[in-house]
């Protein structure tokens, strides 16, 4: 007499095959949330169309998402236009700053308010194409922590393109990061990146460099760029000077953030060495019998010694400030256990 084998229905077999991880005690991974940050300033004409494009692209992409508009103190009804768009898009949120602070401030506020594991930034002037977001996300999934768009065919006047090329060339050489477009508004970040870097002043131009210096893997992808359709550009000629000063600031922070005394101490020691050398020459002449007279070179040597004292003092004060506020934690790549 043959043994009777238990009968398992097709539905039961399918359910068991679909949940091997649950049987093993491992819960299935939760879907990641995408936070799309849109900084806007006086872009009332672009809001409705941009929301429509984002809804279409993100809905087709399939992952849960939120759209976060950050209004940088607009005076043309932009925030009211965002409120009207939010009536037909439950995933849309918005915040408005009390006044116009600049793009770095809007991004910093957006990073703080975003809830997603993946953060996307896109400018609100319709020049960035939302259809590029899935391509950037696919690039991010190849092991990158930040992927920046590269406007290979930038649709802007030459007065913006030529300075931008020079800016990118200098930044590329100084930062050691080999990408072509540091200031493209279309970027995707992992949550760890936006939590690890500080954005203030006008450092939004250097976000890829800041992430690179913090140890994150940065990549880029060519993206479509459209001509501006509404309004005028929001950046004046002062951005060139501000960009140069910000670059100096980033260089300083990258070299001396953890120990200001290392930077100022080196400058002080170099100044002191030169000053003592100059004074030693005059001392040797005096000991040799030459009359000691006040000369410009002697005064310069004494000034270098006094300057050295100032440099070292600034370094010690910087150390006290860093110790008082505490240093930011170093970004962690992996965890075990």
C-alpha atoms as a PDB file:
ATOM      1  CA  UNK A   1       0.000   0.000   0.000  1.00  0.00           C
ATOM      2  CA  UNK A   2       1.577   3.235  -1.102  1.00  0.00           C
ATOM      3  CA  UNK A   3       1.794   6.178   1.280  1.00  0.00           C
ATOM      4  CA  UNK A   4      -0.518   9.057   0.682  1.00  0.00           C
ATOM      5  CA  UNK A   5       1.325  12.313  -0.164  1.00  0.00           C
ATOM      6  CA  UNK A   6      -0.047  15.606   1.190  1.00  0.00           C
ATOM      7  CA  UNK A   7      -1.672  17.732  -1.444  1.00  0.00           C
ATOM      8  CA  UNK A   8      -0.698  21.411  -1.632  1.00  0.00           C
ATOM      9  CA  UNK A   9      -2.884  23.724  -3.643  1.00  0.00           C
ATOM     10  CA  UNK A  10      -1.393  25.845  -6.403  1.00  0.00           C
ATOM     11  CA  UNK A  11      -2.337  29.018  -4.497  1.00  0.00           C
ATOM     12  CA  UNK A  12      -0.537  27.805  -1.364  1.00  0.00           C
ATOM     13  CA  UNK A  13       2.580  26.881  -3.343  1.00  0.00           C
ATOM     14  CA  UNK A  14       2.630  30.345  -4.953  1.00  0.00           C
ATOM     15  CA  UNK A  15       2.287  32.050  -1.560  1.00  0.00           C
ATOM     16  CA  UNK A  16       5.119  30.014  -0.052  1.00  0.00           C
ATOM     17  CA  UNK A  17       7.383  30.688  -3.029  1.00  0.00           C
ATOM     18  CA  UNK A  18       6.656  34.408  -2.860  1.00  0.00           C
ATOM     19  CA  UNK A  19       7.582  34.703   0.828  1.00  0.00           C
ATOM     20  CA  UNK A  20      10.801  32.751   1.441  1.00  0.00           C
ATOM     21  CA  UNK A  21      12.294  35.613   3.400  1.00  0.00           C
ATOM     22  CA  UNK A  22       9.334  35.719   5.794  1.00  0.00           C
ATOM     23  CA  UNK A  23       9.690  31.984   6.423  1.00  0.00           C
ATOM     24  CA  UNK A  24      13.344  32.549   7.212  1.00  0.00           C
ATOM     25  CA  UNK A  25      12.492  35.312   9.662  1.00  0.00           C
ATOM     26  CA  UNK A  26      13.631  38.197   7.388  1.00  0.00           C
ATOM     27  CA  UNK A  27      11.109  40.924   6.659  1.00  0.00           C
ATOM     28  CA  UNK A  28      10.887  42.172   3.060  1.00  0.00           C
ATOM     29  CA  UNK A  29      12.605  45.503   2.402  1.00  0.00           C
ATOM     30  CA  UNK A  30      10.394  48.564   2.594  1.00  0.00           C
ATOM     31  CA  UNK A  31      10.168  50.626  -0.607  1.00  0.00           C
ATOM     32  CA  UNK A  32      12.350  53.713  -0.481  1.00  0.00           C
ATOM     33  CA  UNK A  33      10.777  57.141  -0.478  1.00  0.00           C
ATOM     34  CA  UNK A  34      11.920  59.769  -2.979  1.00  0.00           C
ATOM     35  CA  UNK A  35      11.927  63.395  -1.842  1.00  0.00           C
ATOM     36  CA  UNK A  36      11.952  65.825  -4.767  1.00  0.00           C
ATOM     37  CA  UNK A  37      13.018  69.299  -3.593  1.00  0.00           C
ATOM     38  CA  UNK A  38      12.095  72.243  -5.828  1.00  0.00           C
ATOM     39  CA  UNK A  39      13.651  75.594  -4.806  1.00  0.00           C
ATOM     40  CA  UNK A  40      11.668  78.489  -6.301  1.00  0.00           C
ATOM     41  CA  UNK A  41      11.896  82.253  -6.253  1.00  0.00           C
ATOM     42  CA  UNK A  42       9.382  84.265  -8.298  1.00  0.00           C
ATOM     43  CA  UNK A  43       8.499  81.378 -10.643  1.00  0.00           C
ATOM     44  CA  UNK A  44       4.708  81.661 -10.588  1.00  0.00           C
ATOM     45  CA  UNK A  45       4.349  80.905 -14.307  1.00  0.00           C
ATOM     46  CA  UNK A  46       6.223  77.587 -14.052  1.00  0.00           C
ATOM     47  CA  UNK A  47       4.651  75.970 -10.991  1.00  0.00           C
ATOM     48  CA  UNK A  48       1.572  74.285 -12.481  1.00  0.00           C
ATOM     49  CA  UNK A  49       3.388  72.802 -15.474  1.00  0.00           C
ATOM     50  CA  UNK A  50       6.317  71.598 -13.382  1.00  0.00           C
ATOM     51  CA  UNK A  51       4.009  69.842 -10.918  1.00  0.00           C
ATOM     52  CA  UNK A  52       2.194  68.168 -13.820  1.00  0.00           C
ATOM     53  CA  UNK A  53       5.477  66.929 -15.315  1.00  0.00           C
ATOM     54  CA  UNK A  54       6.759  65.668 -11.952  1.00  0.00           C
ATOM     55  CA  UNK A  55       3.492  63.833 -11.246  1.00  0.00           C
ATOM     56  CA  UNK A  56       3.645  62.093 -14.614  1.00  0.00           C
ATOM     57  CA  UNK A  57       7.312  61.074 -14.352  1.00  0.00           C
ATOM     58  CA  UNK A  58       7.278  60.018 -10.698  1.00  0.00           C
ATOM     59  CA  UNK A  59       3.975  58.190 -11.037  1.00  0.00           C
ATOM     60  CA  UNK A  60       5.330  56.156 -13.942  1.00  0.00           C
ATOM     61  CA  UNK A  61       8.567  55.462 -12.048  1.00  0.00           C
ATOM     62  CA  UNK A  62       6.644  53.461  -9.456  1.00  0.00           C
ATOM     63  CA  UNK A  63       8.413  54.343  -6.202  1.00  0.00           C
ATOM     64  CA  UNK A  64       6.638  56.321  -3.454  1.00  0.00           C
ATOM     65  CA  UNK A  65       7.516  59.994  -3.566  1.00  0.00           C
ATOM     66  CA  UNK A  66       6.921  63.421  -2.126  1.00  0.00           C
ATOM     67  CA  UNK A  67       7.350  66.797  -3.832  1.00  0.00           C
ATOM     68  CA  UNK A  68       8.633  69.566  -1.594  1.00  0.00           C
ATOM     69  CA  UNK A  69       8.556  73.145  -2.861  1.00  0.00           C
ATOM     70  CA  UNK A  70      10.769  75.594  -0.965  1.00  0.00           C
ATOM     71  CA  UNK A  71       9.730  79.180  -1.667  1.00  0.00           C
ATOM     72  CA  UNK A  72      12.610  81.603  -1.123  1.00  0.00           C
ATOM     73  CA  UNK A  73      10.437  84.574  -0.171  1.00  0.00           C
ATOM     74  CA  UNK A  74       8.736  85.049  -3.548  1.00  0.00           C
ATOM     75  CA  UNK A  75       6.747  88.235  -4.103  1.00  0.00           C
ATOM     76  CA  UNK A  76       4.841  87.286  -7.281  1.00  0.00           C
ATOM     77  CA  UNK A  77       2.319  84.755  -5.974  1.00  0.00           C
ATOM     78  CA  UNK A  78       4.510  81.663  -6.357  1.00  0.00           C
ATOM     79  CA  UNK A  79       3.495  80.201  -3.002  1.00  0.00           C
ATOM     80  CA  UNK A  80      -0.190  80.676  -3.812  1.00  0.00           C
ATOM     81  CA  UNK A  81       0.361  78.859  -7.123  1.00  0.00           C
ATOM     82  CA  UNK A  82       2.002  75.994  -5.234  1.00  0.00           C
ATOM     83  CA  UNK A  83      -0.976  75.869  -2.851  1.00  0.00           C
ATOM     84  CA  UNK A  84      -3.364  75.585  -5.808  1.00  0.00           C
ATOM     85  CA  UNK A  85      -1.267  72.778  -7.302  1.00  0.00           C
ATOM     86  CA  UNK A  86      -1.238  70.950  -3.964  1.00  0.00           C
ATOM     87  CA  UNK A  87      -5.027  70.612  -4.115  1.00  0.00           C
ATOM     88  CA  UNK A  88      -4.651  68.062  -6.907  1.00  0.00           C
ATOM     89  CA  UNK A  89      -1.448  66.389  -5.712  1.00  0.00           C
ATOM     90  CA  UNK A  90      -1.588  64.787  -2.228  1.00  0.00           C
ATOM     91  CA  UNK A  91       2.164  64.115  -2.267  1.00  0.00           C
ATOM     92  CA  UNK A  92       3.019  67.819  -2.597  1.00  0.00           C
ATOM     93  CA  UNK A  93       4.244  69.811   0.393  1.00  0.00           C
ATOM     94  CA  UNK A  94       5.678  73.308   0.569  1.00  0.00           C
ATOM     95  CA  UNK A  95       7.486  75.633   2.932  1.00  0.00           C
ATOM     96  CA  UNK A  96       8.108  79.332   2.530  1.00  0.00           C
ATOM     97  CA  UNK A  97      11.043  81.252   3.976  1.00  0.00           C
ATOM     98  CA  UNK A  98      10.369  84.553   5.676  1.00  0.00           C
ATOM     99  CA  UNK A  99      12.390  86.484   3.110  1.00  0.00           C
ATOM    100  CA  UNK A 100      14.755  85.915   0.210  1.00  0.00           C
ATOM    101  CA  UNK A 101      17.878  84.160   1.556  1.00  0.00           C
ATOM    102  CA  UNK A 102      19.341  82.579  -1.594  1.00  0.00           C
ATOM    103  CA  UNK A 103      19.520  79.133  -3.128  1.00  0.00           C
ATOM    104  CA  UNK A 104      21.817  77.619  -0.515  1.00  0.00           C
ATOM    105  CA  UNK A 105      19.326  78.516   2.204  1.00  0.00           C
ATOM    106  CA  UNK A 106      16.410  77.010   0.274  1.00  0.00           C
ATOM    107  CA  UNK A 107      18.330  73.773  -0.294  1.00  0.00           C
ATOM    108  CA  UNK A 108      19.381  73.609   3.360  1.00  0.00           C
ATOM    109  CA  UNK A 109      15.755  74.048   4.430  1.00  0.00           C
ATOM    110  CA  UNK A 110      14.638  71.428   1.915  1.00  0.00           C
ATOM    111  CA  UNK A 111      17.254  68.916   3.065  1.00  0.00           C
ATOM    112  CA  UNK A 112      16.101  69.414   6.646  1.00  0.00           C
ATOM    113  CA  UNK A 113      12.405  68.963   5.802  1.00  0.00           C
ATOM    114  CA  UNK A 114      12.745  66.069   3.318  1.00  0.00           C
ATOM    115  CA  UNK A 115      11.612  62.666   4.567  1.00  0.00           C
ATOM    116  CA  UNK A 116      12.956  60.356   1.864  1.00  0.00           C
ATOM    117  CA  UNK A 117      15.909  58.002   1.755  1.00  0.00           C
ATOM    118  CA  UNK A 118      16.703  59.439  -1.682  1.00  0.00           C
ATOM    119  CA  UNK A 119      16.690  63.202  -2.260  1.00  0.00           C
ATOM    120  CA  UNK A 120      16.270  64.766  -5.704  1.00  0.00           C
ATOM    121  CA  UNK A 121      16.780  68.463  -6.438  1.00  0.00           C
ATOM    122  CA  UNK A 122      15.430  70.186  -9.527  1.00  0.00           C
ATOM    123  CA  UNK A 123      15.205  73.884 -10.360  1.00  0.00           C
ATOM    124  CA  UNK A 124      11.757  75.408 -10.616  1.00  0.00           C
ATOM    125  CA  UNK A 125      12.230  77.309 -13.902  1.00  0.00           C
ATOM    126  CA  UNK A 126      11.422  74.376 -16.261  1.00  0.00           C
ATOM    127  CA  UNK A 127      14.955  74.352 -17.693  1.00  0.00           C
ATOM    128  CA  UNK A 128      15.687  71.018 -15.976  1.00  0.00           C
ATOM    129  CA  UNK A 129      13.734  68.108 -17.448  1.00  0.00           C
ATOM    130  CA  UNK A 130      11.930  65.890 -14.884  1.00  0.00           C
ATOM    131  CA  UNK A 131      12.094  62.938 -17.305  1.00  0.00           C
ATOM    132  CA  UNK A 132      15.812  62.696 -16.477  1.00  0.00           C
ATOM    133  CA  UNK A 133      15.106  61.740 -12.834  1.00  0.00           C
ATOM    134  CA  UNK A 134      14.717  57.958 -13.483  1.00  0.00           C
ATOM    135  CA  UNK A 135      18.028  57.974 -15.395  1.00  0.00           C
ATOM    136  CA  UNK A 136      19.808  59.688 -12.505  1.00  0.00           C
ATOM    137  CA  UNK A 137      18.286  57.224 -10.032  1.00  0.00           C
ATOM    138  CA  UNK A 138      19.501  54.312 -12.148  1.00  0.00           C
ATOM    139  CA  UNK A 139      22.995  55.816 -12.128  1.00  0.00           C
ATOM    140  CA  UNK A 140      22.793  56.244  -8.353  1.00  0.00           C
ATOM    141  CA  UNK A 141      21.942  52.556  -7.969  1.00  0.00           C
ATOM    142  CA  UNK A 142      25.250  51.667  -9.613  1.00  0.00           C
ATOM    143  CA  UNK A 143      27.001  52.435  -6.318  1.00  0.00           C
ATOM    144  CA  UNK A 144      27.123  56.234  -6.237  1.00  0.00           C
ATOM    145  CA  UNK A 145      26.120  58.443  -3.328  1.00  0.00           C
ATOM    146  CA  UNK A 146      25.511  61.583  -5.386  1.00  0.00           C
ATOM    147  CA  UNK A 147      24.858  61.908  -9.109  1.00  0.00           C
ATOM    148  CA  UNK A 148      24.909  65.352 -10.695  1.00  0.00           C
ATOM    149  CA  UNK A 149      23.391  66.279 -14.022  1.00  0.00           C
ATOM    150  CA  UNK A 150      25.682  67.524 -16.785  1.00  0.00           C
ATOM    151  CA  UNK A 151      24.129  70.081 -19.135  1.00  0.00           C
ATOM    152  CA  UNK A 152      26.113  69.079 -22.217  1.00  0.00           C
ATOM    153  CA  UNK A 153      24.068  71.455 -24.416  1.00  0.00           C
ATOM    154  CA  UNK A 154      23.308  74.308 -22.080  1.00  0.00           C
ATOM    155  CA  UNK A 155      20.479  76.530 -23.315  1.00  0.00           C
ATOM    156  CA  UNK A 156      21.705  79.796 -21.819  1.00  0.00           C
ATOM    157  CA  UNK A 157      23.340  82.934 -23.267  1.00  0.00           C
ATOM    158  CA  UNK A 158      27.109  83.009 -23.715  1.00  0.00           C
ATOM    159  CA  UNK A 159      27.396  85.449 -20.785  1.00  0.00           C
ATOM    160  CA  UNK A 160      26.486  82.529 -18.511  1.00  0.00           C
ATOM    161  CA  UNK A 161      28.072  79.646 -20.421  1.00  0.00           C
ATOM    162  CA  UNK A 162      31.643  80.991 -20.681  1.00  0.00           C
ATOM    163  CA  UNK A 163      32.050  81.964 -16.993  1.00  0.00           C
ATOM    164  CA  UNK A 164      30.446  78.654 -16.028  1.00  0.00           C
ATOM    165  CA  UNK A 165      33.039  76.697 -18.031  1.00  0.00           C
ATOM    166  CA  UNK A 166      35.864  78.586 -16.345  1.00  0.00           C
ATOM    167  CA  UNK A 167      34.280  78.060 -12.923  1.00  0.00           C
ATOM    168  CA  UNK A 168      33.894  74.321 -13.506  1.00  0.00           C
ATOM    169  CA  UNK A 169      37.469  73.998 -14.798  1.00  0.00           C
ATOM    170  CA  UNK A 170      38.956  75.730 -11.743  1.00  0.00           C
ATOM    171  CA  UNK A 171      36.749  73.803  -9.321  1.00  0.00           C
ATOM    172  CA  UNK A 172      37.620  70.513 -11.010  1.00  0.00           C
ATOM    173  CA  UNK A 173      41.356  71.205 -10.685  1.00  0.00           C
ATOM    174  CA  UNK A 174      41.158  72.317  -7.067  1.00  0.00           C
ATOM    175  CA  UNK A 175      38.729  69.685  -5.793  1.00  0.00           C
ATOM    176  CA  UNK A 176      40.233  66.731  -7.648  1.00  0.00           C
ATOM    177  CA  UNK A 177      36.715  65.642  -8.658  1.00  0.00           C
ATOM    178  CA  UNK A 178      36.501  64.923 -12.380  1.00  0.00           C
ATOM    179  CA  UNK A 179      32.996  66.080 -13.289  1.00  0.00           C
ATOM    180  CA  UNK A 180      32.005  68.784 -15.755  1.00  0.00           C
ATOM    181  CA  UNK A 181      29.021  70.576 -14.194  1.00  0.00           C
ATOM    182  CA  UNK A 182      29.190  71.268 -10.459  1.00  0.00           C
ATOM    183  CA  UNK A 183      26.275  73.708 -10.368  1.00  0.00           C
ATOM    184  CA  UNK A 184      23.594  71.797 -12.272  1.00  0.00           C
ATOM    185  CA  UNK A 185      20.326  72.051 -10.336  1.00  0.00           C
ATOM    186  CA  UNK A 186      19.320  68.471 -11.202  1.00  0.00           C
ATOM    187  CA  UNK A 187      20.963  66.080  -8.720  1.00  0.00           C
ATOM    188  CA  UNK A 188      20.115  62.951  -6.730  1.00  0.00           C
ATOM    189  CA  UNK A 189      21.551  62.204  -3.290  1.00  0.00           C
ATOM    190  CA  UNK A 190      21.460  59.428  -0.787  1.00  0.00           C
ATOM    191  CA  UNK A 191      20.162  60.536   2.592  1.00  0.00           C
ATOM    192  CA  UNK A 192      23.588  60.124   4.176  1.00  0.00           C
ATOM    193  CA  UNK A 193      25.023  62.823   1.916  1.00  0.00           C
ATOM    194  CA  UNK A 194      22.547  65.588   2.741  1.00  0.00           C
ATOM    195  CA  UNK A 195      22.870  64.743   6.446  1.00  0.00           C
ATOM    196  CA  UNK A 196      26.673  64.965   6.352  1.00  0.00           C
ATOM    197  CA  UNK A 197      27.302  68.247   4.505  1.00  0.00           C
ATOM    198  CA  UNK A 198      26.438  71.792   5.541  1.00  0.00           C
ATOM    199  CA  UNK A 199      24.959  74.188   2.977  1.00  0.00           C
ATOM    200  CA  UNK A 200      25.170  77.880   3.797  1.00  0.00           C
ATOM    201  CA  UNK A 201      26.233  81.132   2.183  1.00  0.00           C
ATOM    202  CA  UNK A 202      26.370  80.190  -1.498  1.00  0.00           C
ATOM    203  CA  UNK A 203      27.969  76.762  -1.183  1.00  0.00           C
ATOM    204  CA  UNK A 204      25.246  75.179  -3.330  1.00  0.00           C
ATOM    205  CA  UNK A 205      27.708  75.564  -6.222  1.00  0.00           C
ATOM    206  CA  UNK A 206      30.111  73.141  -4.542  1.00  0.00           C
ATOM    207  CA  UNK A 207      27.848  70.368  -3.262  1.00  0.00           C
ATOM    208  CA  UNK A 208      29.571  67.653  -5.355  1.00  0.00           C
ATOM    209  CA  UNK A 209      32.987  68.839  -4.140  1.00  0.00           C
ATOM    210  CA  UNK A 210      31.840  68.915  -0.517  1.00  0.00           C
ATOM    211  CA  UNK A 211      30.457  65.389  -0.828  1.00  0.00           C
ATOM    212  CA  UNK A 212      33.655  64.219  -2.525  1.00  0.00           C
ATOM    213  CA  UNK A 213      35.817  65.667   0.249  1.00  0.00           C
ATOM    214  CA  UNK A 214      33.582  63.937   2.821  1.00  0.00           C
ATOM    215  CA  UNK A 215      34.380  60.562   1.236  1.00  0.00           C
ATOM    216  CA  UNK A 216      31.226  59.964  -0.779  1.00  0.00           C
ATOM    217  CA  UNK A 217      31.275  58.575  -4.315  1.00  0.00           C
ATOM    218  CA  UNK A 218      30.162  61.224  -6.810  1.00  0.00           C
ATOM    219  CA  UNK A 219      29.187  60.696 -10.450  1.00  0.00           C
ATOM    220  CA  UNK A 220      27.514  62.625 -13.234  1.00  0.00           C
ATOM    221  CA  UNK A 221      25.172  61.937 -16.149  1.00  0.00           C
ATOM    222  CA  UNK A 222      24.406  64.039 -19.251  1.00  0.00           C
ATOM    223  CA  UNK A 223      20.929  65.570 -19.038  1.00  0.00           C
ATOM    224  CA  UNK A 224      18.671  67.602 -21.310  1.00  0.00           C
ATOM    225  CA  UNK A 225      18.562  71.344 -20.668  1.00  0.00           C
ATOM    226  CA  UNK A 226      15.756  73.572 -21.966  1.00  0.00           C
ATOM    227  CA  UNK A 227      15.715  77.318 -22.695  1.00  0.00           C
ATOM    228  CA  UNK A 228      14.094  79.507 -20.074  1.00  0.00           C
ATOM    229  CA  UNK A 229      10.419  79.998 -20.972  1.00  0.00           C
ATOM    230  CA  UNK A 230       9.183  82.387 -18.284  1.00  0.00           C
ATOM    231  CA  UNK A 231      10.723  85.367 -16.555  1.00  0.00           C
ATOM    232  CA  UNK A 232      14.387  86.280 -16.320  1.00  0.00           C
ATOM    233  CA  UNK A 233      17.433  84.683 -14.770  1.00  0.00           C
ATOM    234  CA  UNK A 234      17.724  85.288 -11.033  1.00  0.00           C
ATOM    235  CA  UNK A 235      21.531  85.521 -10.922  1.00  0.00           C
ATOM    236  CA  UNK A 236      23.365  88.796 -11.475  1.00  0.00           C
ATOM    237  CA  UNK A 237      27.003  89.614 -12.123  1.00  0.00           C
ATOM    238  CA  UNK A 238      27.796  89.452  -8.419  1.00  0.00           C
ATOM    239  CA  UNK A 239      27.722  85.653  -8.694  1.00  0.00           C
ATOM    240  CA  UNK A 240      31.197  85.711 -10.268  1.00  0.00           C
ATOM    241  CA  UNK A 241      32.792  87.441  -7.274  1.00  0.00           C
ATOM    242  CA  UNK A 242      30.701  85.429  -4.832  1.00  0.00           C
ATOM    243  CA  UNK A 243      31.686  82.225  -6.581  1.00  0.00           C
ATOM    244  CA  UNK A 244      35.389  83.036  -6.327  1.00  0.00           C
ATOM    245  CA  UNK A 245      35.105  83.935  -2.626  1.00  0.00           C
ATOM    246  CA  UNK A 246      33.095  80.785  -1.938  1.00  0.00           C
ATOM    247  CA  UNK A 247      35.786  78.732  -3.650  1.00  0.00           C
ATOM    248  CA  UNK A 248      38.426  80.237  -1.347  1.00  0.00           C
ATOM    249  CA  UNK A 249      36.174  79.502   1.612  1.00  0.00           C
ATOM    250  CA  UNK A 250      35.670  75.878   0.607  1.00  0.00           C
ATOM    251  CA  UNK A 251      39.409  75.438   0.140  1.00  0.00           C
ATOM    252  CA  UNK A 252      40.053  76.872   3.601  1.00  0.00           C
ATOM    253  CA  UNK A 253      37.378  74.742   5.268  1.00  0.00           C
ATOM    254  CA  UNK A 254      38.590  71.591   3.573  1.00  0.00           C
ATOM    255  CA  UNK A 255      42.187  72.163   4.662  1.00  0.00           C
ATOM    256  CA  UNK A 256      41.699  73.464   8.208  1.00  0.00           C
ATOM    257  CA  UNK A 257      38.258  72.450   9.474  1.00  0.00           C
ATOM    258  CA  UNK A 258      39.487  69.760  11.854  1.00  0.00           C
ATOM    259  CA  UNK A 259      42.536  71.621  13.168  1.00  0.00           C
ATOM    260  CA  UNK A 260      42.843  75.371  12.501  1.00  0.00           C
ATOM    261  CA  UNK A 261      46.174  75.437  14.355  1.00  0.00           C
ATOM    262  CA  UNK A 262      47.733  73.233  11.670  1.00  0.00           C
ATOM    263  CA  UNK A 263      47.058  75.875   9.005  1.00  0.00           C
ATOM    264  CA  UNK A 264      47.749  79.057  10.969  1.00  0.00           C
ATOM    265  CA  UNK A 265      50.622  77.446  12.839  1.00  0.00           C
ATOM    266  CA  UNK A 266      52.409  76.658   9.582  1.00  0.00           C
ATOM    267  CA  UNK A 267      51.929  80.238   8.395  1.00  0.00           C
ATOM    268  CA  UNK A 268      53.190  81.533  11.731  1.00  0.00           C
ATOM    269  CA  UNK A 269      56.276  79.325  11.727  1.00  0.00           C
ATOM    270  CA  UNK A 270      57.137  80.360   8.165  1.00  0.00           C
ATOM    271  CA  UNK A 271      56.729  84.033   9.051  1.00  0.00           C
ATOM    272  CA  UNK A 272      58.776  83.655  12.229  1.00  0.00           C
ATOM    273  CA  UNK A 273      61.569  81.834  10.421  1.00  0.00           C
ATOM    274  CA  UNK A 274      61.841  84.573   7.801  1.00  0.00           C
ATOM    275  CA  UNK A 275      61.755  87.308  10.440  1.00  0.00           C
ATOM    276  CA  UNK A 276      64.405  85.718  12.635  1.00  0.00           C
ATOM    277  CA  UNK A 277      66.624  85.130   9.604  1.00  0.00           C
ATOM    278  CA  UNK A 278      66.487  88.806   8.621  1.00  0.00           C
ATOM    279  CA  UNK A 279      67.134  89.936  12.192  1.00  0.00           C
ATOM    280  CA  UNK A 280      70.015  87.438  12.515  1.00  0.00           C
ATOM    281  CA  UNK A 281      71.781  89.103   9.584  1.00  0.00           C
ATOM    282  CA  UNK A 282      71.656  92.490  11.292  1.00  0.00           C
ATOM    283  CA  UNK A 283      72.713  90.940  14.608  1.00  0.00           C
ATOM    284  CA  UNK A 284      75.731  89.345  12.944  1.00  0.00           C
ATOM    285  CA  UNK A 285      76.706  92.710  11.441  1.00  0.00           C
ATOM    286  CA  UNK A 286      76.418  94.388  14.827  1.00  0.00           C
ATOM    287  CA  UNK A 287      78.516  91.726  16.537  1.00  0.00           C
ATOM    288  CA  UNK A 288      81.076  92.159  13.757  1.00  0.00           C
ATOM    289  CA  UNK A 289      81.563  95.794  14.671  1.00  0.00           C
ATOM    290  CA  UNK A 290      79.238  97.493  12.190  1.00  0.00           C
ATOM    291  CA  UNK A 291      77.024 100.210  13.680  1.00  0.00           C
ATOM    292  CA  UNK A 292      73.416  99.147  14.115  1.00  0.00           C
ATOM    293  CA  UNK A 293      71.013 101.445  12.310  1.00  0.00           C
ATOM    294  CA  UNK A 294      67.263 101.183  11.855  1.00  0.00           C
ATOM    295  CA  UNK A 295      66.670 100.103   8.280  1.00  0.00           C
ATOM    296  CA  UNK A 296      63.475  99.171   6.390  1.00  0.00           C
ATOM    297  CA  UNK A 297      64.576  95.542   6.074  1.00  0.00           C
ATOM    298  CA  UNK A 298      65.104  95.335   9.834  1.00  0.00           C
ATOM    299  CA  UNK A 299      61.625  96.696  10.464  1.00  0.00           C
ATOM    300  CA  UNK A 300      60.235  94.188   7.982  1.00  0.00           C
ATOM    301  CA  UNK A 301      61.906  91.331   9.881  1.00  0.00           C
ATOM    302  CA  UNK A 302      60.429  92.511  13.183  1.00  0.00           C
ATOM    303  CA  UNK A 303      56.997  92.827  11.538  1.00  0.00           C
ATOM    304  CA  UNK A 304      57.238  89.217  10.333  1.00  0.00           C
ATOM    305  CA  UNK A 305      57.938  88.052  13.894  1.00  0.00           C
ATOM    306  CA  UNK A 306      54.939  89.978  15.218  1.00  0.00           C
ATOM    307  CA  UNK A 307      52.820  88.567  12.383  1.00  0.00           C
ATOM    308  CA  UNK A 308      53.901  85.059  13.363  1.00  0.00           C
ATOM    309  CA  UNK A 309      52.620  85.652  16.880  1.00  0.00           C
ATOM    310  CA  UNK A 310      49.288  86.757  15.405  1.00  0.00           C
ATOM    311  CA  UNK A 311      49.010  83.683  13.187  1.00  0.00           C
ATOM    312  CA  UNK A 312      49.695  81.279  16.054  1.00  0.00           C
ATOM    313  CA  UNK A 313      47.243  83.133  18.304  1.00  0.00           C
ATOM    314  CA  UNK A 314      44.513  82.866  15.649  1.00  0.00           C
ATOM    315  CA  UNK A 315      45.246  79.151  15.362  1.00  0.00           C
ATOM    316  CA  UNK A 316      44.832  78.652  19.119  1.00  0.00           C
ATOM    317  CA  UNK A 317      41.563  80.611  19.104  1.00  0.00           C
ATOM    318  CA  UNK A 318      40.329  78.471  16.207  1.00  0.00           C
ATOM    319  CA  UNK A 319      41.154  75.324  18.177  1.00  0.00           C
ATOM    320  CA  UNK A 320      39.107  76.635  21.117  1.00  0.00           C
ATOM    321  CA  UNK A 321      36.119  77.331  18.828  1.00  0.00           C
ATOM    322  CA  UNK A 322      36.264  73.858  17.282  1.00  0.00           C
ATOM    323  CA  UNK A 323      36.531  72.243  20.715  1.00  0.00           C
ATOM    324  CA  UNK A 324      33.643  74.327  22.060  1.00  0.00           C
ATOM    325  CA  UNK A 325      31.142  73.517  19.306  1.00  0.00           C
ATOM    326  CA  UNK A 326      32.335  69.971  18.758  1.00  0.00           C
ATOM    327  CA  UNK A 327      33.429  68.515  15.464  1.00  0.00           C
ATOM    328  CA  UNK A 328      30.857  66.972  13.124  1.00  0.00           C
ATOM    329  CA  UNK A 329      30.981  63.187  13.007  1.00  0.00           C
ATOM    330  CA  UNK A 330      32.842  61.625  10.126  1.00  0.00           C
ATOM    331  CA  UNK A 331      30.538  60.039   7.492  1.00  0.00           C
ATOM    332  CA  UNK A 332      30.368  56.253   7.839  1.00  0.00           C
ATOM    333  CA  UNK A 333      30.426  54.101   4.691  1.00  0.00           C
ATOM    334  CA  UNK A 334      29.398  50.727   6.150  1.00  0.00           C
ATOM    335  CA  UNK A 335      28.171  49.207   9.399  1.00  0.00           C
ATOM    336  CA  UNK A 336      28.545  45.668  10.709  1.00  0.00           C
ATOM    337  CA  UNK A 337      26.327  44.348  13.455  1.00  0.00           C
END
